[in-house]
């Protein structure tokens, strides 16, 4: 039976109004949720800004400054016990009586490391070498010091670590007798180039000179040195236009500086392997340490030692947290946490 038309129209209109109200309700619910979300987000942003505004201005500035300093300063070297050293003069290795005086002085100084010269800047050794090349060079044939006895006493009686000093490419003796491993005078094949002091230099590019120095490093470690201080890890200075370093490329000066830095870094990496478990120090001048790219080069060693002998002292704490000063006066070193005391002695003059 069909419904009356008026009743059908009434029912249809009622359904339409219900759907319209439902759509309006959903719309208002969505608007309310959106408004609540915007309100929460605005509250969160406002609260964050208020917290930031409450921070002291100095804190924010300090944070930025610290970031900049961290990026530009030298990385600190690994933490280690304080380094207190005593330089062992060659004259105190001549006889037993002088050795006893040495032990007494070390006991009074209360040091933990004895610095001993094993190879000087003239190319001579303070000990009797077993290397055949040393015999050919005559670098230790006339050695008269009790280096082995003194070292034994220092380690066993005075409980000192031994820091052995080895000069590297500043070796006029080896350079004069090893033309294939020396810096050469330009337009010659065998004549060593000499600096303003008349000293020949080993060529850092030459495999023969590198192997010669690595053999000395291994022998000194086997002799009893716990740690090593390498000096003269550099190219010579002076009139280098007259010098030729076989193995070097014909690169422009700026590229050549990078190449030479890489050669020295490679040598230090080899020296570190040759030194074994001991700490490897490399000594540089302040000028060398400041050269672009050289800090990365010398970082191939464990610790960089800066030669401050005869120079005015600088008290930059941040700098010395990453470096160790080399001084020639025990009195100047007394107030320092870390220091290497070393005097310049010439073995050739004492042979």
Foldseek 3Di string as FASTA:
>chain_A
DDDDPVVVVVVVVVVVVVVVVVVVVVVVVVVVVVVVVVVVVVVVVVVVVVVVVPDDPVVVVVVVVVVVCVVPFDDFFDDDAFAFEDEDDQVLQQDDVSLVVVLVVCVVLVGAAYEYEAAALQGAGQDDDPDPVCVVLVRYPPRRGNVLVSLVCCCPVVVHAYEYEHEAFSHQSCCLVPQQFWWAFPPDRRHFDAAPVRGTTGALQRPVSLVVRLVVLLVVVVSHHQEYEYENLADDDHDCVRIDRPPQDPDPPVVSVVVRLVSSLVSLLSSDVSNPPGAYEYEDEPVQCPDPPNVVSRVSGSAYEYECEPHDDDDPPSNVSRHEYEYQDSVVCVPPRYHHHDDRDDPVVVD
